[in-house]
Amino acid sequence: MKTRSLILPLLASCTVAVALAGCGGSSSKAEGIVLAPQGGATETTVAATPKPPAAIAKKPVVTVPTGPAPTKLVTKDLVQGTGQTVKEGDTVTVNYVGELYKNGKEFDSSWSRNQPATFPLKTGGVIEGWVKGIPGMKVGGRRELIIPASMAYGSKGSGTTIPPNSPLVFVVDVLSTSS
C-alpha cells in the first residue's frame, strides 16, 4: 500500500511538470522540449500562393499609351524576373490588371479580388494575347501587354465590360510557373 501512495503523487507531479513545459512562455525550449509555435501557426504551414518579390508586391498603375492602338501585340518588361522561365503550355499563377485601351477604364483585376489567377497558358484557356505575350517571362517579373482586339475578345467583346473590337492593356506579374 505504501508503494501505491508514493507512485500516485510522483506520477501526478511528472504530469504537471510536462503540462507546464508545454504551456508556452517566452522561451522556445524548456528543459529539452521544443514548443510548438503559438497562435495556431505551425512550421509546416504552406501559403496558397508564393509571396511576390518586393518589386511586384503592390498593384501596378497601368499607363495606357496615347494615339491609335497597335495592330500587333506589344510587350514591355517593367520588372525583370529572376525565377523560372514561362513556356507556352505551362500552368502559371499571376496577378494582373486589365484596362481598355480606348479610355483606360479598368475592367478586371486579380488585385481587387485579392486572389491571383492560375491557369494553363494555352489556346482556349486564355486570350491569344496572353498565350503569345507571357511566355519568356521569368517568375518575379512584371510585363505590360498591349493586345489588339483580334488577339483579345474580337468582334464579340466580353459581357458588358469589354465592348466589341476593343484593344486591351494588361500588366501581368508572374508568381509561379510549372510544366
C-alpha atoms as a PDB file:
ATOM      1  CA  MET A   1       0.000   0.000   0.000  1.00  0.00           C
ATOM      2  CA  LYS A   2       2.839   2.389   0.745  1.00  0.00           C
ATOM      3  CA  THR A   3       4.231   1.838  -2.753  1.00  0.00           C
ATOM      4  CA  ARG A   4       0.938   2.918  -4.358  1.00  0.00           C
ATOM      5  CA  SER A   5       0.705   6.011  -2.230  1.00  0.00           C
ATOM      6  CA  LEU A   6       4.201   7.120  -3.326  1.00  0.00           C
ATOM      7  CA  ILE A   7       3.727   6.378  -7.049  1.00  0.00           C
ATOM      8  CA  LEU A   8       0.497   8.345  -7.490  1.00  0.00           C
ATOM      9  CA  PRO A   9       1.907  11.665  -6.193  1.00  0.00           C
ATOM     10  CA  LEU A  10       5.082  11.090  -8.260  1.00  0.00           C
ATOM     11  CA  LEU A  11       3.052  10.474 -11.453  1.00  0.00           C
ATOM     12  CA  ALA A  12       0.885  13.500 -10.735  1.00  0.00           C
ATOM     13  CA  SER A  13       3.895  15.779 -10.270  1.00  0.00           C
ATOM     14  CA  CYS A  14       5.504  14.481 -13.516  1.00  0.00           C
ATOM     15  CA  THR A  15       2.262  15.108 -15.389  1.00  0.00           C
ATOM     16  CA  VAL A  16       2.065  18.657 -14.028  1.00  0.00           C
ATOM     17  CA  ALA A  17       5.711  19.307 -14.982  1.00  0.00           C
ATOM     18  CA  VAL A  18       5.196  18.099 -18.546  1.00  0.00           C
ATOM     19  CA  ALA A  19       1.982  20.093 -18.872  1.00  0.00           C
ATOM     20  CA  LEU A  20       3.658  23.263 -17.615  1.00  0.00           C
ATOM     21  CA  ALA A  21       6.569  22.785 -20.003  1.00  0.00           C
ATOM     22  CA  GLY A  22       4.121  22.649 -22.909  1.00  0.00           C
ATOM     23  CA  CYS A  23       2.118  25.715 -21.881  1.00  0.00           C
ATOM     24  CA  GLY A  24       4.200  28.238 -23.750  1.00  0.00           C
ATOM     25  CA  GLY A  25       6.153  31.111 -22.374  1.00  0.00           C
ATOM     26  CA  SER A  26       8.755  33.309 -23.935  1.00  0.00           C
ATOM     27  CA  SER A  27      11.320  30.561 -24.494  1.00  0.00           C
ATOM     28  CA  SER A  28      11.162  28.252 -27.480  1.00  0.00           C
ATOM     29  CA  LYS A  29      12.770  25.428 -25.493  1.00  0.00           C
ATOM     30  CA  ALA A  30      12.008  24.252 -21.978  1.00  0.00           C
ATOM     31  CA  GLU A  31      14.168  21.534 -20.477  1.00  0.00           C
ATOM     32  CA  GLY A  32      14.902  19.921 -23.859  1.00  0.00           C
ATOM     33  CA  ILE A  33      11.303  20.161 -25.072  1.00  0.00           C
ATOM     34  CA  VAL A  34      10.721  22.132 -28.287  1.00  0.00           C
ATOM     35  CA  LEU A  35       7.459  24.026 -28.050  1.00  0.00           C
ATOM     36  CA  ALA A  36       5.043  24.304 -30.942  1.00  0.00           C
ATOM     37  CA  PRO A  37       4.540  27.755 -32.494  1.00  0.00           C
ATOM     38  CA  GLN A  38       1.818  29.769 -30.765  1.00  0.00           C
ATOM     39  CA  GLY A  39      -1.298  31.321 -32.256  1.00  0.00           C
ATOM     40  CA  GLY A  40      -2.336  28.268 -34.250  1.00  0.00           C
ATOM     41  CA  ALA A  41       0.570  28.524 -36.706  1.00  0.00           C
ATOM     42  CA  THR A  42       2.749  25.552 -37.499  1.00  0.00           C
ATOM     43  CA  GLU A  43       6.114  25.336 -39.121  1.00  0.00           C
ATOM     44  CA  THR A  44       4.643  23.262 -41.955  1.00  0.00           C
ATOM     45  CA  THR A  45       2.018  25.821 -42.966  1.00  0.00           C
ATOM     46  CA  VAL A  46       2.342  26.469 -46.715  1.00  0.00           C
ATOM     47  CA  ALA A  47       0.970  29.627 -48.291  1.00  0.00           C
ATOM     48  CA  ALA A  48      -1.631  29.123 -51.024  1.00  0.00           C
ATOM     49  CA  THR A  49       0.371  31.373 -53.351  1.00  0.00           C
ATOM     50  CA  PRO A  50       4.014  32.323 -53.215  1.00  0.00           C
ATOM     51  CA  LYS A  51       4.976  35.651 -51.704  1.00  0.00           C
ATOM     52  CA  PRO A  52       5.831  38.006 -54.566  1.00  0.00           C
ATOM     53  CA  PRO A  53       9.154  39.854 -54.675  1.00  0.00           C
ATOM     54  CA  ALA A  54       9.002  43.436 -53.395  1.00  0.00           C
ATOM     55  CA  ALA A  55       9.150  44.843 -56.954  1.00  0.00           C
ATOM     56  CA  ILE A  56       5.755  43.274 -57.774  1.00  0.00           C
ATOM     57  CA  ALA A  57       4.160  43.157 -54.316  1.00  0.00           C
ATOM     58  CA  LYS A  58       1.819  46.098 -54.941  1.00  0.00           C
ATOM     59  CA  LYS A  59      -0.870  46.673 -57.546  1.00  0.00           C
ATOM     60  CA  PRO A  60       0.662  48.405 -60.551  1.00  0.00           C
ATOM     61  CA  VAL A  61      -0.558  51.630 -62.088  1.00  0.00           C
ATOM     62  CA  VAL A  62      -1.432  50.972 -65.724  1.00  0.00           C
ATOM     63  CA  THR A  63      -0.458  53.696 -68.169  1.00  0.00           C
ATOM     64  CA  VAL A  64      -2.438  53.455 -71.394  1.00  0.00           C
ATOM     65  CA  PRO A  65      -0.498  54.933 -74.316  1.00  0.00           C
ATOM     66  CA  THR A  66      -1.966  57.767 -76.361  1.00  0.00           C
ATOM     67  CA  GLY A  67      -2.617  57.563 -80.062  1.00  0.00           C
ATOM     68  CA  PRO A  68      -4.042  54.770 -82.157  1.00  0.00           C
ATOM     69  CA  ALA A  69      -3.961  51.238 -80.728  1.00  0.00           C
ATOM     70  CA  PRO A  70      -1.322  48.943 -82.207  1.00  0.00           C
ATOM     71  CA  THR A  71      -2.479  46.246 -84.617  1.00  0.00           C
ATOM     72  CA  LYS A  72       0.119  43.759 -83.346  1.00  0.00           C
ATOM     73  CA  LEU A  73       0.867  42.512 -79.839  1.00  0.00           C
ATOM     74  CA  VAL A  74       3.239  44.809 -77.941  1.00  0.00           C
ATOM     75  CA  THR A  75       5.096  43.590 -74.847  1.00  0.00           C
ATOM     76  CA  LYS A  76       7.273  45.564 -72.474  1.00  0.00           C
ATOM     77  CA  ASP A  77       9.049  44.170 -69.428  1.00  0.00           C
ATOM     78  CA  LEU A  78       8.566  46.535 -66.492  1.00  0.00           C
ATOM     79  CA  VAL A  79      10.355  44.320 -63.941  1.00  0.00           C
ATOM     80  CA  GLN A  80      12.763  41.575 -64.933  1.00  0.00           C
ATOM     81  CA  GLY A  81      12.058  38.342 -63.051  1.00  0.00           C
ATOM     82  CA  THR A  82      14.851  36.092 -61.829  1.00  0.00           C
ATOM     83  CA  GLY A  83      12.990  32.782 -61.467  1.00  0.00           C
ATOM     84  CA  GLN A  84      11.996  30.008 -63.825  1.00  0.00           C
ATOM     85  CA  THR A  85      11.101  30.982 -67.409  1.00  0.00           C
ATOM     86  CA  VAL A  86       7.467  30.608 -68.507  1.00  0.00           C
ATOM     87  CA  LYS A  87       6.787  28.479 -71.580  1.00  0.00           C
ATOM     88  CA  GLU A  88       3.606  28.221 -73.648  1.00  0.00           C
ATOM     89  CA  GLY A  89       1.520  25.390 -72.188  1.00  0.00           C
ATOM     90  CA  ASP A  90       2.803  25.896 -68.618  1.00  0.00           C
ATOM     91  CA  THR A  91       0.372  26.450 -65.770  1.00  0.00           C
ATOM     92  CA  VAL A  92       1.012  29.916 -64.388  1.00  0.00           C
ATOM     93  CA  THR A  93      -0.117  31.842 -61.335  1.00  0.00           C
ATOM     94  CA  VAL A  94      -0.321  35.570 -61.963  1.00  0.00           C
ATOM     95  CA  ASN A  95      -1.607  38.850 -60.637  1.00  0.00           C
ATOM     96  CA  TYR A  96      -2.909  41.230 -63.295  1.00  0.00           C
ATOM     97  CA  VAL A  97      -4.747  44.432 -64.078  1.00  0.00           C
ATOM     98  CA  GLY A  98      -6.682  44.867 -67.327  1.00  0.00           C
ATOM     99  CA  GLU A  99      -7.808  48.192 -68.817  1.00  0.00           C
ATOM    100  CA  LEU A 100      -9.489  49.256 -72.025  1.00  0.00           C
ATOM    101  CA  TYR A 101      -7.065  50.905 -74.436  1.00  0.00           C
ATOM    102  CA  LYS A 102      -9.730  53.367 -75.573  1.00  0.00           C
ATOM    103  CA  ASN A 103     -10.373  55.061 -72.213  1.00  0.00           C
ATOM    104  CA  GLY A 104      -8.159  53.433 -69.561  1.00  0.00           C
ATOM    105  CA  LYS A 105     -11.151  52.010 -67.695  1.00  0.00           C
ATOM    106  CA  GLU A 106     -10.207  49.030 -65.531  1.00  0.00           C
ATOM    107  CA  PHE A 107     -12.396  46.048 -66.417  1.00  0.00           C
ATOM    108  CA  ASP A 108     -10.700  43.307 -64.374  1.00  0.00           C
ATOM    109  CA  SER A 109      -8.032  42.826 -61.742  1.00  0.00           C
ATOM    110  CA  SER A 110      -6.882  39.903 -59.630  1.00  0.00           C
ATOM    111  CA  TRP A 111      -5.708  42.532 -57.141  1.00  0.00           C
ATOM    112  CA  SER A 112      -9.290  43.703 -56.493  1.00  0.00           C
ATOM    113  CA  ARG A 113     -10.259  40.133 -55.568  1.00  0.00           C
ATOM    114  CA  ASN A 114      -7.058  39.688 -53.531  1.00  0.00           C
ATOM    115  CA  GLN A 115      -6.658  36.363 -55.346  1.00  0.00           C
ATOM    116  CA  PRO A 116      -4.071  35.570 -58.026  1.00  0.00           C
ATOM    117  CA  ALA A 117      -5.279  33.640 -61.074  1.00  0.00           C
ATOM    118  CA  THR A 118      -3.930  30.199 -62.026  1.00  0.00           C
ATOM    119  CA  PHE A 119      -4.488  28.757 -65.496  1.00  0.00           C
ATOM    120  CA  PRO A 120      -2.821  26.786 -68.282  1.00  0.00           C
ATOM    121  CA  LEU A 121      -1.184  29.123 -70.782  1.00  0.00           C
ATOM    122  CA  LYS A 122      -2.658  27.614 -73.931  1.00  0.00           C
ATOM    123  CA  THR A 123      -5.106  28.479 -76.695  1.00  0.00           C
ATOM    124  CA  GLY A 124      -8.662  28.045 -75.490  1.00  0.00           C
ATOM    125  CA  GLY A 125      -7.649  28.630 -71.860  1.00  0.00           C
ATOM    126  CA  VAL A 126      -6.961  32.365 -72.121  1.00  0.00           C
ATOM    127  CA  ILE A 127      -6.961  35.021 -74.838  1.00  0.00           C
ATOM    128  CA  GLU A 128      -4.336  34.735 -77.562  1.00  0.00           C
ATOM    129  CA  GLY A 129      -2.596  37.915 -76.413  1.00  0.00           C
ATOM    130  CA  TRP A 130      -1.725  36.171 -73.139  1.00  0.00           C
ATOM    131  CA  VAL A 131      -0.730  32.891 -74.823  1.00  0.00           C
ATOM    132  CA  LYS A 132       1.703  34.824 -77.053  1.00  0.00           C
ATOM    133  CA  GLY A 133       2.648  37.628 -74.646  1.00  0.00           C
ATOM    134  CA  ILE A 134       3.510  35.846 -71.380  1.00  0.00           C
ATOM    135  CA  PRO A 135       5.968  33.103 -72.491  1.00  0.00           C
ATOM    136  CA  GLY A 136       9.566  34.178 -71.971  1.00  0.00           C
ATOM    137  CA  MET A 137       8.755  35.980 -68.715  1.00  0.00           C
ATOM    138  CA  LYS A 138      10.553  34.828 -65.607  1.00  0.00           C
ATOM    139  CA  VAL A 139       8.890  34.255 -62.235  1.00  0.00           C
ATOM    140  CA  GLY A 140       9.023  37.524 -60.310  1.00  0.00           C
ATOM    141  CA  GLY A 141       8.633  39.574 -63.493  1.00  0.00           C
ATOM    142  CA  ARG A 142       6.084  42.209 -64.466  1.00  0.00           C
ATOM    143  CA  ARG A 143       5.129  42.791 -68.108  1.00  0.00           C
ATOM    144  CA  GLU A 144       2.839  45.188 -69.912  1.00  0.00           C
ATOM    145  CA  LEU A 145       0.825  43.654 -72.744  1.00  0.00           C
ATOM    146  CA  ILE A 146      -0.929  45.850 -75.305  1.00  0.00           C
ATOM    147  CA  ILE A 147      -3.247  43.456 -77.082  1.00  0.00           C
ATOM    148  CA  PRO A 148      -5.061  44.226 -80.335  1.00  0.00           C
ATOM    149  CA  ALA A 149      -8.765  43.323 -80.394  1.00  0.00           C
ATOM    150  CA  SER A 150      -8.080  40.416 -82.778  1.00  0.00           C
ATOM    151  CA  MET A 151      -5.908  38.755 -80.062  1.00  0.00           C
ATOM    152  CA  ALA A 152      -8.338  39.652 -77.249  1.00  0.00           C
ATOM    153  CA  TYR A 153     -12.133  39.217 -77.471  1.00  0.00           C
ATOM    154  CA  GLY A 154     -12.539  40.335 -81.099  1.00  0.00           C
ATOM    155  CA  SER A 155     -15.854  41.409 -82.573  1.00  0.00           C
ATOM    156  CA  LYS A 156     -17.863  39.756 -79.782  1.00  0.00           C
ATOM    157  CA  GLY A 157     -16.315  41.575 -76.824  1.00  0.00           C
ATOM    158  CA  SER A 158     -16.854  40.106 -73.380  1.00  0.00           C
ATOM    159  CA  GLY A 159     -20.034  40.714 -71.415  1.00  0.00           C
ATOM    160  CA  THR A 160     -20.788  44.311 -70.543  1.00  0.00           C
ATOM    161  CA  THR A 161     -17.234  45.238 -69.533  1.00  0.00           C
ATOM    162  CA  ILE A 162     -15.333  44.770 -72.805  1.00  0.00           C
ATOM    163  CA  PRO A 163     -17.038  46.217 -75.900  1.00  0.00           C
ATOM    164  CA  PRO A 164     -16.611  44.546 -79.303  1.00  0.00           C
ATOM    165  CA  ASN A 165     -13.336  45.281 -81.138  1.00  0.00           C
ATOM    166  CA  SER A 166     -11.572  46.564 -78.007  1.00  0.00           C
ATOM    167  CA  PRO A 167      -7.801  46.561 -77.754  1.00  0.00           C
ATOM    168  CA  LEU A 168      -6.674  45.930 -74.167  1.00  0.00           C
ATOM    169  CA  VAL A 169      -3.781  46.828 -71.883  1.00  0.00           C
ATOM    170  CA  PHE A 170      -2.697  44.400 -69.179  1.00  0.00           C
ATOM    171  CA  VAL A 171       0.046  44.491 -66.593  1.00  0.00           C
ATOM    172  CA  VAL A 172       0.840  40.905 -65.597  1.00  0.00           C
ATOM    173  CA  ASP A 173       3.020  39.686 -62.683  1.00  0.00           C
ATOM    174  CA  VAL A 174       4.207  36.064 -62.806  1.00  0.00           C
ATOM    175  CA  LEU A 175       4.182  34.483 -59.341  1.00  0.00           C
ATOM    176  CA  SER A 176       4.865  30.878 -60.356  1.00  0.00           C
ATOM    177  CA  THR A 177       5.005  28.500 -63.301  1.00  0.00           C
ATOM    178  CA  SER A 178       5.005  24.741 -63.740  1.00  0.00           C
ATOM    179  CA  SER A 179       5.144  22.437 -66.731  1.00  0.00           C
END
